[in-house]
Amino acid sequence: MVNQLQLGCDCLGAITYFDIPAADDFGLPYVMTNAVCMREEGYGMLWKHYESRSSVLEMRRSHRLVTRFFCAVTNYDCGFFWYLYQDGTI
């Protein structure tokens, strides 16, 4: 029930696609291309510090890794998203 993803429609930006092994209606194996995509996206500000004595301002941006796939179950389209953050949380 997994849908094949298309660049610009399901996933935007610099993306890596993954193929998955699957079984057809008769149980025969095949490879579904572009079933899962992964990309990095900006997630705001990670930290910011201003050192008043030296007038130095430092700031780091936060990023997260997004993995996604979509499947169609009867008349419902479901998207599954995993967000992997820099602190190790999912």
Protein backbone atom coordinates (compact mmCIF):
# COMPACT_ATOMS: atom_id res chain seq x y z
CA MET A 1 0.00 0.00 0.00
CA VAL A 2 3.06 2.28 -0.05
CA ASN A 3 3.02 4.99 -2.71
CA GLN A 4 5.98 5.78 -4.93
CA LEU A 5 7.24 9.28 -4.12
CA GLN A 6 7.92 12.00 -6.68
CA LEU A 7 10.41 14.84 -6.44
CA GLY A 8 8.68 18.21 -6.07
CA CYS A 9 5.36 16.65 -5.13
CA ASP A 10 5.95 14.54 -2.02
CA CYS A 11 9.45 15.66 -1.09
CA LEU A 12 11.21 18.98 -1.69
CA GLY A 13 14.85 20.01 -1.65
CA ALA A 14 17.97 17.84 -1.59
CA ILE A 15 16.56 14.38 -1.01
CA THR A 16 17.77 10.82 -0.79
CA TYR A 17 15.29 8.18 -1.89
CA PHE A 18 15.26 4.57 -0.73
CA ASP A 19 13.89 1.56 -2.55
CA ILE A 20 12.12 -1.15 -0.53
CA PRO A 21 11.48 -4.82 -1.18
CA ALA A 22 7.78 -5.62 -1.36
CA ALA A 23 5.38 -8.40 -2.37
CA ASP A 24 2.70 -8.15 -5.03
CA ASP A 25 -0.87 -9.50 -4.80
CA PHE A 26 0.41 -13.00 -5.58
CA GLY A 27 3.21 -12.92 -3.01
CA LEU A 28 5.94 -12.46 -5.58
CA PRO A 29 8.81 -10.15 -4.61
CA TYR A 30 9.60 -6.91 -6.38
CA VAL A 31 11.44 -3.68 -5.59
CA MET A 32 9.43 -0.49 -5.18
CA THR A 33 11.57 2.49 -6.20
CA ASN A 34 11.45 5.81 -4.34
CA ALA A 35 9.26 4.45 -1.55
CA VAL A 36 10.92 6.37 1.31
CA CYS A 37 12.61 9.76 1.24
CA MET A 38 14.98 11.44 3.66
CA ARG A 39 16.08 15.06 3.83
CA GLU A 40 17.56 17.59 6.20
CA GLU A 41 15.56 20.68 7.07
CA GLY A 42 16.11 23.78 9.17
CA TYR A 43 14.39 23.80 12.56
CA GLY A 44 14.96 27.30 13.91
CA MET A 45 17.62 28.51 16.29
CA LEU A 46 19.62 25.98 18.34
CA TRP A 47 21.39 28.47 20.59
CA LYS A 48 22.51 32.08 20.73
CA HIS A 49 25.03 33.86 22.99
CA TYR A 50 26.22 37.45 23.19
CA GLU A 51 29.49 38.16 24.99
CA SER A 52 29.12 41.77 26.16
CA ARG A 53 32.77 42.30 27.06
CA SER A 54 34.04 41.45 23.57
CA SER A 55 30.83 42.32 21.65
CA VAL A 56 30.88 38.87 20.04
CA LEU A 57 27.54 37.39 19.01
CA GLU A 58 27.32 33.70 18.14
CA MET A 59 24.31 31.76 16.98
CA ARG A 60 23.82 28.23 15.65
CA ARG A 61 20.89 27.00 13.58
CA SER A 62 19.11 23.79 14.43
CA HIS A 63 18.50 21.07 11.83
CA ARG A 64 16.54 17.86 11.82
CA LEU A 65 16.52 14.82 9.58
CA VAL A 66 13.10 13.92 8.17
CA THR A 67 12.20 10.45 6.92
CA ARG A 68 8.80 9.96 5.31
CA PHE A 69 6.62 7.64 3.30
CA PHE A 70 2.97 7.58 2.25
CA CYS A 71 0.51 4.77 1.85
CA ALA A 72 -3.07 4.48 0.64
CA VAL A 73 -5.49 2.37 2.66
CA THR A 74 -8.84 2.15 0.83
CA ASN A 75 -9.89 5.81 0.51
CA TYR A 76 -7.38 7.21 3.06
CA ASP A 77 -3.92 8.53 2.27
CA CYS A 78 -1.65 8.34 5.30
CA GLY A 79 1.72 10.04 5.66
CA PHE A 80 4.30 8.71 8.12
CA PHE A 81 7.01 11.11 9.28
CA TRP A 82 9.99 10.53 11.56
CA TYR A 83 11.90 13.58 12.81
CA LEU A 84 15.41 12.92 14.09
CA TYR A 85 16.79 15.83 16.13
CA GLN A 86 20.37 16.83 16.95
CA ASP A 87 19.92 15.93 20.63
CA GLY A 88 19.11 12.31 19.73
CA THR A 89 15.33 12.49 20.17
CA ILE A 90 12.93 11.09 17.59
